[in-house]
Protein backbone atom coordinates (compact mmCIF):
# COMPACT_ATOMS: atom_id res chain seq x y z
CA MET A 1 -140.43 -73.30 25.93
CA GLY A 2 -141.60 -69.85 24.85
CA LYS A 3 -144.90 -68.16 25.43
CA ILE A 4 -148.03 -68.07 23.30
CA GLN A 5 -148.46 -64.41 22.42
CA ARG A 6 -150.37 -64.43 19.15
CA ALA A 7 -153.21 -66.66 17.97
CA LEU A 8 -155.11 -67.04 14.70
CA ILE A 9 -158.69 -68.29 15.03
CA SER A 10 -160.89 -69.26 12.05
CA VAL A 11 -163.51 -71.93 12.70
CA SER A 12 -166.54 -73.30 10.89
CA ASP A 13 -167.71 -75.14 14.02
CA LYS A 14 -168.09 -72.37 16.60
CA THR A 15 -168.58 -74.71 19.57
CA GLY A 16 -166.87 -73.24 22.65
CA ILE A 17 -164.84 -70.76 20.61
CA VAL A 18 -166.05 -67.58 22.34
CA GLU A 19 -165.21 -68.93 25.79
CA PHE A 20 -161.82 -70.16 24.56
CA ALA A 21 -161.01 -66.78 22.97
CA LYS A 22 -161.91 -64.93 26.16
CA GLU A 23 -159.57 -67.22 28.13
CA LEU A 24 -156.78 -66.47 25.64
CA GLU A 25 -157.45 -62.74 25.87
CA GLN A 26 -157.20 -62.87 29.66
CA LEU A 27 -153.83 -64.58 29.24
CA GLY A 28 -152.61 -61.64 27.16
CA VAL A 29 -152.81 -63.35 23.77
CA GLU A 30 -153.38 -61.16 20.71
CA ILE A 31 -156.09 -62.71 18.52
CA ILE A 32 -156.35 -62.55 14.72
CA SER A 33 -159.50 -63.81 13.03
CA THR A 34 -161.38 -64.02 9.73
CA GLY A 35 -164.89 -63.61 8.38
CA GLY A 36 -167.72 -65.04 10.47
CA THR A 37 -165.45 -65.98 13.34
CA HIS A 38 -164.14 -62.41 13.53
CA LYS A 39 -167.69 -61.04 13.74
CA LEU A 40 -168.75 -63.57 16.37
CA LEU A 41 -165.78 -62.81 18.63
CA GLN A 42 -166.13 -59.08 18.11
CA ASP A 43 -169.85 -59.19 18.96
CA ALA A 44 -168.96 -61.16 22.11
CA GLY A 45 -166.65 -58.36 23.23
CA VAL A 46 -163.33 -60.03 22.38
CA ASN A 47 -160.62 -57.69 21.15
CA VAL A 48 -159.85 -59.20 17.78
CA ILE A 49 -157.73 -58.15 14.77
CA GLY A 50 -159.08 -58.69 11.25
CA ILE A 51 -157.04 -60.80 8.88
CA SER A 52 -156.75 -57.91 6.40
CA GLU A 53 -155.00 -55.82 9.03
CA VAL A 54 -152.28 -58.47 9.17
CA THR A 55 -151.97 -59.17 5.44
CA GLY A 56 -152.48 -55.59 4.29
CA PHE A 57 -154.70 -57.05 1.61
CA PRO A 58 -158.50 -57.38 1.50
CA GLU A 59 -160.33 -60.71 1.43
CA ILE A 60 -161.13 -61.32 -2.25
CA LEU A 61 -162.96 -63.76 -4.54
CA ASP A 62 -165.89 -64.16 -2.14
CA GLY A 63 -163.51 -65.11 0.66
CA ARG A 64 -161.64 -67.75 -1.32
CA VAL A 65 -158.41 -65.80 -0.76
CA LYS A 66 -157.81 -64.31 2.66
CA THR A 67 -155.19 -66.27 4.63
CA LEU A 68 -153.02 -67.38 1.68
CA HIS A 69 -150.42 -64.70 2.30
CA PRO A 70 -146.74 -64.56 3.41
CA ASN A 71 -147.67 -62.45 6.45
CA ILE A 72 -149.67 -65.45 7.69
CA HIS A 73 -147.57 -68.38 6.54
CA GLY A 74 -144.27 -66.67 7.29
CA GLY A 75 -145.54 -66.21 10.86
CA LEU A 76 -146.52 -69.87 11.03
CA LEU A 77 -143.51 -71.52 9.38
CA ALA A 78 -140.62 -69.48 10.75
CA ILE A 79 -138.28 -71.63 12.86
CA ARG A 80 -137.91 -69.60 16.03
CA ASN A 81 -134.37 -70.70 16.88
CA SER A 82 -133.11 -70.03 13.35
CA GLU A 83 -131.42 -66.62 13.11
CA LYS A 84 -131.88 -66.70 9.34
CA HIS A 85 -135.63 -67.34 9.58
CA MET A 86 -136.20 -64.74 12.27
CA ALA A 87 -134.17 -62.14 10.39
CA ALA A 88 -136.20 -62.82 7.24
CA ILE A 89 -139.60 -62.32 8.85
CA GLN A 90 -138.32 -59.27 10.73
CA GLU A 91 -137.07 -57.76 7.45
CA HIS A 92 -140.54 -58.18 5.92
CA GLY A 93 -142.46 -57.00 9.00
CA ILE A 94 -143.97 -60.43 9.72
CA GLU A 95 -144.84 -61.33 13.29
CA PRO A 96 -144.81 -64.96 14.53
CA ILE A 97 -148.13 -66.75 15.15
CA ASP A 98 -147.89 -69.14 18.11
CA LEU A 99 -151.37 -70.70 18.19
CA VAL A 100 -153.67 -71.71 15.33
CA VAL A 101 -157.31 -72.68 15.96
CA VAL A 102 -158.96 -73.80 12.74
CA ASN A 103 -161.61 -76.24 11.64
CA LEU A 104 -162.75 -76.62 8.10
CA TYR A 105 -165.66 -75.83 5.80
CA PRO A 106 -168.46 -78.39 6.33
CA PHE A 107 -167.75 -80.52 3.28
CA LYS A 108 -169.17 -83.69 4.86
CA ALA A 109 -172.40 -81.95 5.89
CA THR A 110 -172.71 -80.50 2.39
CA ILE A 111 -172.38 -83.77 0.48
CA SER A 112 -174.67 -85.50 2.99
CA LYS A 113 -177.57 -83.44 1.67
CA PRO A 114 -179.85 -85.20 -0.84
CA ASP A 115 -179.17 -84.16 -4.42
CA VAL A 116 -176.38 -81.76 -3.46
CA ALA A 117 -175.28 -79.68 -6.44
CA TRP A 118 -171.74 -80.16 -7.75
CA GLU A 119 -171.15 -76.40 -7.39
CA ASP A 120 -172.14 -76.44 -3.69
CA ALA A 121 -169.83 -79.36 -3.00
CA ILE A 122 -166.90 -77.67 -4.72
CA GLU A 123 -167.47 -74.37 -2.93
CA ASN A 124 -167.27 -76.18 0.41
CA ILE A 125 -163.77 -77.48 -0.26
CA ASP A 126 -161.61 -75.54 2.17
CA ILE A 127 -158.23 -74.37 0.86
CA GLY A 128 -156.90 -71.78 3.31
CA GLY A 129 -157.89 -73.75 6.40
CA PRO A 130 -155.99 -76.96 5.60
CA THR A 131 -153.04 -74.88 4.40
CA MET A 132 -152.80 -73.02 7.71
CA LEU A 133 -153.22 -76.25 9.65
CA ARG A 134 -150.49 -78.00 7.70
CA SER A 135 -148.11 -75.04 8.03
CA ALA A 136 -148.65 -74.85 11.78
CA ALA A 137 -148.48 -78.63 12.25
CA LYS A 138 -145.24 -78.83 10.28
CA ASN A 139 -143.72 -76.19 12.58
CA HIS A 140 -145.28 -77.77 15.68
CA GLU A 141 -142.10 -77.43 17.73
CA PHE A 142 -142.97 -73.74 17.97
CA VAL A 143 -146.67 -73.54 17.07
CA THR A 144 -149.63 -75.09 18.89
CA VAL A 145 -152.36 -76.08 16.45
CA VAL A 146 -155.93 -77.05 17.33
CA VAL A 147 -158.77 -78.58 15.29
CA ASP A 148 -160.98 -79.99 18.05
CA ALA A 149 -162.94 -78.02 20.65
CA ALA A 150 -162.36 -80.88 23.08
CA ASP A 151 -158.73 -79.74 23.32
CA TYR A 152 -159.44 -76.13 24.30
CA ALA A 153 -159.62 -76.69 28.07
CA GLY A 154 -156.33 -78.60 28.22
CA ILE A 155 -154.52 -75.91 26.26
CA VAL A 156 -155.79 -73.17 28.58
CA GLU A 157 -154.72 -75.22 31.59
CA GLU A 158 -151.17 -75.65 30.25
CA MET A 159 -150.92 -71.99 29.29
CA LYS A 160 -152.00 -70.87 32.76
CA ALA A 161 -149.30 -73.07 34.26
CA ASN A 162 -146.46 -72.44 31.80
CA GLY A 163 -147.44 -69.78 29.30
CA ASP A 164 -147.21 -72.36 26.51
CA THR A 165 -148.07 -75.97 25.77
CA SER A 166 -145.52 -78.73 26.16
CA LEU A 167 -143.66 -80.23 23.22
CA GLU A 168 -145.48 -83.51 23.83
CA THR A 169 -148.83 -81.70 23.54
CA LYS A 170 -147.69 -79.88 20.40
CA ARG A 171 -146.67 -83.17 18.78
CA ARG A 172 -149.91 -84.87 19.79
CA LEU A 173 -151.97 -82.02 18.37
CA ALA A 174 -149.91 -81.92 15.17
CA ALA A 175 -150.55 -85.61 14.58
CA LYS A 176 -154.26 -84.98 15.15
CA VAL A 177 -154.17 -82.19 12.57
CA PHE A 178 -152.72 -84.41 9.88
CA ARG A 179 -155.31 -87.08 10.66
CA HIS A 180 -157.96 -84.38 10.37
CA THR A 181 -156.77 -83.01 7.04
CA ALA A 182 -156.18 -86.50 5.65
CA ALA A 183 -159.75 -87.47 6.51
CA TYR A 184 -161.02 -84.24 4.97
CA ASP A 185 -159.07 -84.82 1.76
CA SER A 186 -160.23 -88.44 1.67
CA LEU A 187 -163.87 -87.33 1.72
CA ILE A 188 -163.20 -84.89 -1.10
CA SER A 189 -161.29 -87.37 -3.26
CA GLY A 190 -163.91 -90.04 -2.60
CA TYR A 191 -166.78 -87.73 -3.57
CA LEU A 192 -165.09 -86.49 -6.74
CA SER A 193 -163.99 -90.00 -7.76
CA LYS A 194 -167.51 -91.32 -7.29
CA GLN A 195 -168.99 -88.46 -9.32
CA MET A 196 -166.58 -89.30 -12.14
CA GLY A 197 -167.23 -93.04 -11.98
CA GLU A 198 -163.74 -93.96 -10.76
CA GLU A 199 -164.62 -97.24 -9.03
CA TYR A 200 -161.08 -98.52 -8.47
CA PRO A 201 -158.67 -95.54 -8.77
CA GLU A 202 -154.87 -95.78 -8.80
CA ASN A 203 -154.79 -94.81 -5.10
CA TYR A 204 -157.54 -95.99 -2.79
CA THR A 205 -158.02 -93.72 0.20
CA VAL A 206 -160.82 -94.06 2.75
CA THR A 207 -161.53 -92.55 6.14
CA TYR A 208 -163.55 -93.70 9.12
CA GLU A 209 -164.61 -91.99 12.35
CA LYS A 210 -164.05 -93.62 15.70
CA VAL A 211 -167.19 -94.80 17.48
CA GLN A 212 -165.59 -96.46 20.48
CA ASP A 213 -162.69 -98.42 21.85
CA LEU A 214 -163.61 -102.06 22.44
CA ARG A 215 -162.69 -104.08 25.50
CA TYR A 216 -160.79 -106.47 23.25
CA GLY A 217 -160.88 -107.91 19.75
CA GLU A 218 -161.89 -111.31 18.48
CA ASN A 219 -160.02 -112.79 21.46
CA PRO A 220 -159.10 -111.25 24.82
CA HIS A 221 -155.41 -110.87 23.92
CA GLN A 222 -156.26 -108.69 20.88
CA SER A 223 -156.94 -104.94 21.09
CA ALA A 224 -159.69 -103.39 18.95
CA ALA A 225 -161.78 -100.33 18.17
CA PHE A 226 -164.93 -99.68 16.16
CA TYR A 227 -165.08 -97.05 13.39
CA ARG A 228 -167.95 -95.73 11.28
CA GLN A 229 -168.09 -94.40 7.73
CA PRO A 230 -168.47 -90.61 7.80
CA LEU A 231 -171.51 -90.83 5.52
CA ALA A 232 -173.00 -94.06 6.88
CA LYS A 233 -176.72 -94.41 6.16
CA ALA A 234 -179.32 -95.50 8.69
CA GLY A 235 -180.22 -99.14 9.20
CA ASN A 236 -176.82 -100.59 10.04
CA ILE A 237 -174.82 -101.50 13.10
CA ALA A 238 -172.63 -98.39 12.82
CA THR A 239 -175.58 -96.01 13.12
CA ALA A 240 -177.74 -98.07 15.49
CA LYS A 241 -178.88 -96.56 18.79
CA GLN A 242 -178.21 -98.77 21.81
CA LEU A 243 -181.18 -98.61 24.15
CA HIS A 244 -180.05 -101.06 26.81
CA GLY A 245 -177.42 -103.56 27.89
CA LYS A 246 -173.68 -104.04 28.01
CA GLU A 247 -171.22 -102.40 25.66
CA LEU A 248 -170.96 -104.10 22.28
CA SER A 249 -167.95 -106.35 21.75
CA TYR A 250 -165.93 -106.96 18.57
CA ASN A 251 -167.69 -110.27 17.97
CA ASN A 252 -171.11 -108.74 18.75
CA ILE A 253 -170.56 -106.14 16.03
CA ASN A 254 -169.40 -108.71 13.46
CA ASP A 255 -172.30 -111.06 14.19
CA ALA A 256 -174.83 -108.23 14.23
CA ASN A 257 -173.62 -107.09 10.82
CA ALA A 258 -173.97 -110.63 9.47
CA ALA A 259 -177.54 -110.82 10.78
CA LEU A 260 -178.46 -107.49 9.20
CA SER A 261 -177.02 -108.54 5.85
CA ILE A 262 -179.41 -111.49 5.74
CA LEU A 263 -182.33 -109.52 7.11
CA LYS A 264 -182.12 -106.99 4.28
CA GLU A 265 -182.91 -109.73 1.77
CA PHE A 266 -186.51 -109.75 2.99
CA THR A 267 -189.39 -107.29 2.74
CA GLN A 268 -191.99 -109.41 4.55
CA PRO A 269 -191.79 -109.78 8.38
CA ALA A 270 -188.52 -111.63 9.03
CA VAL A 271 -186.27 -112.64 11.91
CA VAL A 272 -182.67 -113.77 11.61
CA ALA A 273 -180.68 -115.53 14.32
CA VAL A 274 -176.89 -115.59 13.97
CA LYS A 275 -174.08 -117.37 15.79
CA HIS A 276 -170.44 -116.98 14.83
CA MET A 277 -171.21 -115.09 11.59
CA ASN A 278 -173.58 -117.76 10.24
CA SER A 279 -177.36 -117.95 10.42
CA CYS A 280 -178.65 -120.60 12.79
CA GLY A 281 -182.28 -119.73 12.09
CA VAL A 282 -184.20 -117.59 9.62
CA GLY A 283 -187.98 -117.28 9.52
CA ILE A 284 -190.55 -115.20 7.67
CA GLY A 285 -194.20 -114.94 8.61
CA GLU A 286 -197.41 -112.94 8.70
CA ASN A 287 -196.06 -110.90 11.60
CA ILE A 288 -192.88 -110.54 13.61
CA TYR A 289 -193.99 -112.99 16.30
CA ASP A 290 -194.65 -115.69 13.71
CA ALA A 291 -191.26 -114.99 12.08
CA TYR A 292 -189.47 -115.17 15.45
CA ARG A 293 -191.07 -118.50 16.35
CA LYS A 294 -189.86 -119.95 13.06
CA ALA A 295 -186.33 -118.58 13.52
CA TYR A 296 -186.26 -120.05 17.02
CA GLU A 297 -187.65 -123.45 16.03
CA ALA A 298 -185.16 -123.66 13.16
CA ASP A 299 -182.42 -124.44 15.70
CA PRO A 300 -183.47 -123.98 19.36
CA VAL A 301 -180.04 -125.15 20.53
CA SER A 302 -177.76 -122.88 18.51
CA ILE A 303 -179.86 -119.77 19.03
CA PHE A 304 -178.83 -119.79 22.71
CA GLY A 305 -176.38 -116.90 23.15
CA GLY A 306 -177.14 -115.70 19.64
CA ILE A 307 -177.98 -112.41 17.99
CA ILE A 308 -181.48 -111.65 16.75
CA ALA A 309 -182.34 -109.19 13.98
CA CYS A 310 -185.94 -108.22 13.19
CA ASN A 311 -187.28 -106.05 10.38
CA ARG A 312 -190.47 -105.05 12.16
CA THR A 313 -191.26 -103.44 15.53
CA VAL A 314 -190.76 -105.87 18.43
CA ASP A 315 -194.02 -106.09 20.38
CA LYS A 316 -194.74 -107.39 23.88
CA GLN A 317 -195.76 -110.88 22.76
CA THR A 318 -192.52 -111.36 20.82
CA ALA A 319 -190.47 -109.83 23.63
CA LEU A 320 -191.94 -112.26 26.18
CA ASP A 321 -190.83 -115.21 24.05
CA MET A 322 -187.39 -113.71 23.47
CA LYS A 323 -186.95 -113.16 27.18
CA GLU A 324 -187.19 -116.89 27.81
CA ILE A 325 -183.73 -117.62 26.41
CA PHE A 326 -180.27 -116.09 26.73
CA LEU A 327 -179.59 -113.75 23.83
CA GLU A 328 -176.67 -111.36 23.31
CA ILE A 329 -178.41 -108.77 21.13
CA ILE A 330 -181.88 -108.01 19.80
CA MET A 331 -181.97 -105.54 16.91
CA ALA A 332 -185.09 -104.06 15.37
CA PRO A 333 -186.33 -100.89 13.68
CA ASP A 334 -187.84 -100.08 17.07
CA PHE A 335 -189.53 -101.59 20.13
CA THR A 336 -192.90 -100.89 21.72
CA GLU A 337 -192.77 -99.45 25.25
CA GLU A 338 -194.23 -102.70 26.57
CA ALA A 339 -191.56 -104.75 24.78
CA LEU A 340 -188.83 -102.56 26.26
CA GLU A 341 -190.24 -103.04 29.75
CA VAL A 342 -190.08 -106.80 29.27
CA LEU A 343 -186.61 -106.96 27.75
CA GLN A 344 -184.92 -104.36 29.95
CA THR A 345 -185.40 -106.65 32.95
CA LYS A 346 -182.44 -108.59 31.52
CA LYS A 347 -179.55 -106.37 32.61
CA ASN A 348 -176.94 -107.41 30.06
CA LEU A 349 -179.17 -107.91 26.99
CA ARG A 350 -178.17 -105.40 24.32
CA LEU A 351 -181.12 -103.75 22.57
CA LEU A 352 -180.36 -101.86 19.36
CA GLU A 353 -182.76 -99.55 17.54
CA LEU A 354 -181.91 -99.60 13.84
CA GLY A 355 -184.38 -97.33 12.11
CA ASN A 356 -184.83 -98.32 8.46
CA VAL A 357 -183.58 -101.86 7.81
CA VAL A 358 -185.36 -102.52 4.53
CA GLN A 359 -183.25 -100.49 2.16
CA LYS A 360 -179.98 -101.96 0.93
CA ASP A 361 -177.03 -99.70 0.23
CA LEU A 362 -176.33 -100.63 -3.37
CA ASP A 363 -173.11 -98.60 -3.33
CA GLU A 364 -171.59 -100.42 -0.37
CA VAL A 365 -167.98 -101.49 -0.81
CA LYS A 366 -166.36 -104.40 1.01
CA LEU A 367 -162.78 -104.02 2.24
CA THR A 368 -160.74 -107.03 3.29
CA THR A 369 -157.21 -106.68 4.53
CA VAL A 370 -154.53 -109.17 3.55
CA GLU A 371 -150.98 -109.14 4.76
CA GLY A 372 -149.40 -106.11 3.10
CA GLY A 373 -152.48 -105.20 1.09
CA LEU A 374 -156.21 -104.61 0.71
CA LEU A 375 -158.91 -106.30 -1.35
CA VAL A 376 -161.75 -104.05 -2.51
CA GLN A 377 -164.99 -105.23 -4.11
CA ASN A 378 -168.54 -103.99 -4.48
CA ASP A 379 -171.07 -105.69 -2.22
CA ASP A 380 -172.94 -108.81 -3.35
CA VAL A 381 -176.36 -107.26 -3.93
CA LYS A 382 -177.34 -109.55 -6.79
CA THR A 383 -180.89 -110.82 -6.43
CA VAL A 384 -182.63 -113.68 -8.19
CA THR A 385 -186.33 -113.91 -9.02
CA ALA A 386 -188.43 -116.78 -10.34
CA GLU A 387 -188.03 -115.38 -13.86
CA ASP A 388 -184.24 -115.77 -13.59
CA LEU A 389 -184.36 -119.49 -12.89
CA THR A 390 -183.78 -122.25 -15.39
CA VAL A 391 -185.53 -125.57 -14.77
CA VAL A 392 -183.12 -128.33 -15.81
CA THR A 393 -185.03 -131.44 -14.71
CA ASP A 394 -188.05 -133.23 -16.09
CA ARG A 395 -190.16 -132.15 -13.12
CA LYS A 396 -190.72 -128.46 -12.52
CA PRO A 397 -190.92 -127.21 -8.94
CA THR A 398 -194.40 -126.63 -7.56
CA GLU A 399 -195.40 -123.10 -6.58
CA GLU A 400 -194.76 -123.94 -2.92
CA GLU A 401 -191.36 -125.46 -3.72
CA LEU A 402 -190.45 -122.43 -5.82
CA GLU A 403 -191.33 -120.10 -2.94
CA GLN A 404 -189.16 -122.12 -0.55
CA LEU A 405 -186.29 -122.35 -3.05
CA LEU A 406 -186.15 -118.57 -3.39
CA PHE A 407 -186.30 -118.21 0.39
CA ALA A 408 -183.42 -120.66 0.86
CA TRP A 409 -181.43 -118.92 -1.90
CA LYS A 410 -181.63 -115.60 -0.04
CA VAL A 411 -180.24 -117.26 3.08
CA VAL A 412 -177.49 -119.40 1.51
CA LYS A 413 -176.06 -116.27 -0.08
CA HIS A 414 -174.96 -115.14 3.41
CA VAL A 415 -173.68 -118.46 4.77
CA LYS A 416 -169.93 -119.11 4.77
CA SER A 417 -168.81 -121.26 1.83
CA ASN A 418 -169.12 -124.10 1.19
CA ALA A 419 -172.78 -123.50 2.08
CA ILE A 420 -175.90 -125.63 2.06
CA VAL A 421 -179.31 -124.57 3.42
CA LEU A 422 -182.44 -126.68 3.84
CA ALA A 423 -185.76 -124.85 4.10
CA LYS A 424 -189.39 -125.72 4.68
CA ASP A 425 -192.50 -123.73 5.65
CA ASN A 426 -190.72 -120.36 5.37
CA MET A 427 -187.95 -121.26 7.77
CA THR A 428 -184.50 -122.75 7.66
CA ILE A 429 -184.32 -126.25 9.08
CA GLY A 430 -180.68 -127.07 8.40
CA VAL A 431 -177.57 -125.00 7.71
CA GLY A 432 -174.19 -126.42 6.71
CA ALA A 433 -171.42 -123.85 6.57
CA GLY A 434 -167.75 -123.42 5.89
CA GLN A 435 -166.76 -126.99 5.09
CA MET A 436 -163.90 -127.88 2.81
CA ASN A 437 -166.18 -129.91 0.56
CA ARG A 438 -169.80 -129.37 -0.38
CA VAL A 439 -171.06 -132.79 0.56
CA GLY A 440 -169.73 -132.21 4.09
CA SER A 441 -171.87 -129.07 4.41
CA ALA A 442 -174.85 -130.99 3.05
CA ARG A 443 -174.47 -133.73 5.64
CA ILE A 444 -174.30 -131.17 8.46
CA ALA A 445 -177.46 -129.43 7.23
CA ILE A 446 -179.30 -132.72 6.78
CA GLU A 447 -178.28 -134.00 10.20
CA GLN A 448 -179.50 -130.80 11.80
CA ALA A 449 -182.82 -131.00 9.97
CA GLY A 450 -183.44 -134.63 10.94
CA GLU A 451 -186.93 -135.82 10.04
CA LYS A 452 -187.88 -132.30 8.94
CA ALA A 453 -185.65 -132.80 5.88
CA LYS A 454 -188.39 -134.89 4.23
CA GLY A 455 -190.26 -132.61 1.87
CA SER A 456 -187.76 -129.76 2.22
CA VAL A 457 -185.79 -127.86 -0.41
CA MET A 458 -182.03 -127.44 -0.66
CA ALA A 459 -179.96 -124.41 -1.71
CA SER A 460 -176.26 -124.50 -2.53
CA ASP A 461 -174.15 -121.35 -2.90
CA ALA A 462 -172.15 -122.90 -5.78
CA TYR A 463 -172.63 -125.69 -8.29
CA PHE A 464 -172.35 -129.40 -7.52
CA PRO A 465 -168.96 -130.55 -8.84
CA MET A 466 -170.27 -134.11 -8.75
CA PRO A 467 -173.61 -135.73 -7.85
CA ASP A 468 -172.67 -136.83 -4.31
CA THR A 469 -174.36 -133.79 -2.68
CA LEU A 470 -177.55 -134.48 -4.59
CA GLU A 471 -177.40 -138.14 -3.60
CA GLU A 472 -177.37 -137.05 0.06
CA ALA A 473 -180.41 -134.86 -0.65
CA VAL A 474 -182.24 -137.81 -2.18
CA LYS A 475 -181.59 -139.98 0.89
CA ALA A 476 -182.84 -137.18 3.16
CA GLY A 477 -186.11 -136.73 1.27
CA VAL A 478 -185.39 -133.33 -0.28
CA THR A 479 -187.82 -132.62 -3.14
CA ALA A 480 -186.29 -129.59 -4.89
CA VAL A 481 -182.85 -128.05 -5.27
CA ILE A 482 -181.52 -124.63 -6.29
CA HIS A 483 -177.88 -123.91 -7.23
CA PRO A 484 -175.93 -121.90 -9.82
CA GLY A 485 -175.19 -124.72 -12.24
CA GLY A 486 -172.18 -124.57 -14.53
CA SER A 487 -170.24 -127.67 -13.55
CA ILE A 488 -168.78 -129.85 -16.30
CA ARG A 489 -170.66 -132.67 -14.54
CA ASP A 490 -174.05 -130.97 -14.33
CA ALA A 491 -175.50 -133.77 -16.42
CA ASP A 492 -174.63 -136.32 -13.71
CA SER A 493 -176.54 -134.34 -11.06
CA ILE A 494 -179.48 -133.76 -13.41
CA LYS A 495 -179.62 -137.54 -14.10
CA VAL A 496 -179.78 -138.32 -10.35
CA ALA A 497 -182.49 -135.69 -9.86
CA ASN A 498 -184.60 -137.07 -12.72
CA GLU A 499 -184.24 -140.66 -11.50
CA ASN A 500 -185.57 -139.60 -8.11
CA GLY A 501 -188.28 -137.13 -9.09
CA ILE A 502 -186.43 -134.09 -7.73
CA ALA A 503 -187.01 -130.68 -9.29
CA MET A 504 -183.79 -128.76 -9.86
CA VAL A 505 -183.29 -125.17 -10.97
CA PHE A 506 -180.17 -123.22 -11.93
CA THR A 507 -179.66 -119.56 -11.02
CA GLY A 508 -176.60 -118.85 -13.13
CA VAL A 509 -175.31 -116.84 -10.14
CA ARG A 510 -172.76 -117.95 -7.55
CA HIS A 511 -172.62 -116.59 -3.99
CA PHE A 512 -169.26 -117.53 -2.45
CA LYS A 513 -168.77 -115.94 0.97
CA HIS A 514 -165.41 -116.40 2.66
């Protein structure tokens, strides 16, 4: 182990850098710096050398070229125990650099701005910074390289004890550097590809930022962590603010996301209850209390231990009703102070403030891992209106039936296939999910609805391959049905509907969800 004698500092994020530089100076480290960092350190009284004094060349092209010079990269890349390398840098008057502290131009912050200009985005692509980081990280056996202010204190501690950092620390920091530059490059490639309309490029690279480690995954024997998109918009589980309750679990996050996906189908006051990734109750109403009562009454058994998502402020009246049962999570744009007082009496109940939950992200991409690969598709944001429907039976749906059909269609879109939803009075009354045949899902939904099935409507996420599902609907008293259509046996189902006075409409759109 040697001793850190010379450091190069060039940071966009100045957090803690003055204090760190002063610690280095007290340890006898010579400090080189560039541009704004140089001025900041100099103004703070740190003895600092300008980059041009080292390169013997001025910063040019508005600062685009300042560190791209052999006097910098020779000092970073020279292998210290190689006589050949050390002789070469000595011959050219290059001094080794033992510590590099760099973080990069704020590309993410730049492209996060509304209507950012292409020129501004391009100008915030850092070239010299990543190059120095990669040079130092490659030669990490001899060079300590830092991208995160959280590592400053540990480095100072090791230097005070040993004059240098350990090889283990150098390797850990080098790995962190390559994660950092890979994430940075991923943001750049993603931005440029999107601007050029490259939806599915030859290489698909994405990056996510860690939110938290989770206690375990889907089951206690599985490890897990939660990551967020760097440019995630408000109104989702990744950007939600937790106001109260236990730490979120893997299953909590999955279920909460499923609830939000359904919730964003509605603009009127709506409440969604989810268990195990499927809705167990959805209700819309004049206000959030009315919507909650409908979501609860849809399935008062399954909602126990469930997750609730609301698209309006939770008030005291609604909170008092919610408090009466065991819930894992309540999510809403916000909560009144009185509602919080009521709900925070339940120690473990997780309360999440979402902000805007109305707007869908039309650019959202769904990633699904398979063994040895990745499936990528754009999100299912297809909507259907009354004008999109084709009536295929003798009887047309009434206005009330049409309203309920469209409501049920919004819900069935988010139920695991094969999916059947029964709806009545702006609430779900039966949900059949994930069965290997469609008639099985229909029977589950009908059994759950019981007597309420009479006068209800039915939605199916895909067409009826044969009329058996419709025959179950007839026996249950369903009056109208919505599904994509397109089966070679559509005529058989239409015949059954006509014989029993059922109105049936086709959407021409399928909503498989696996």
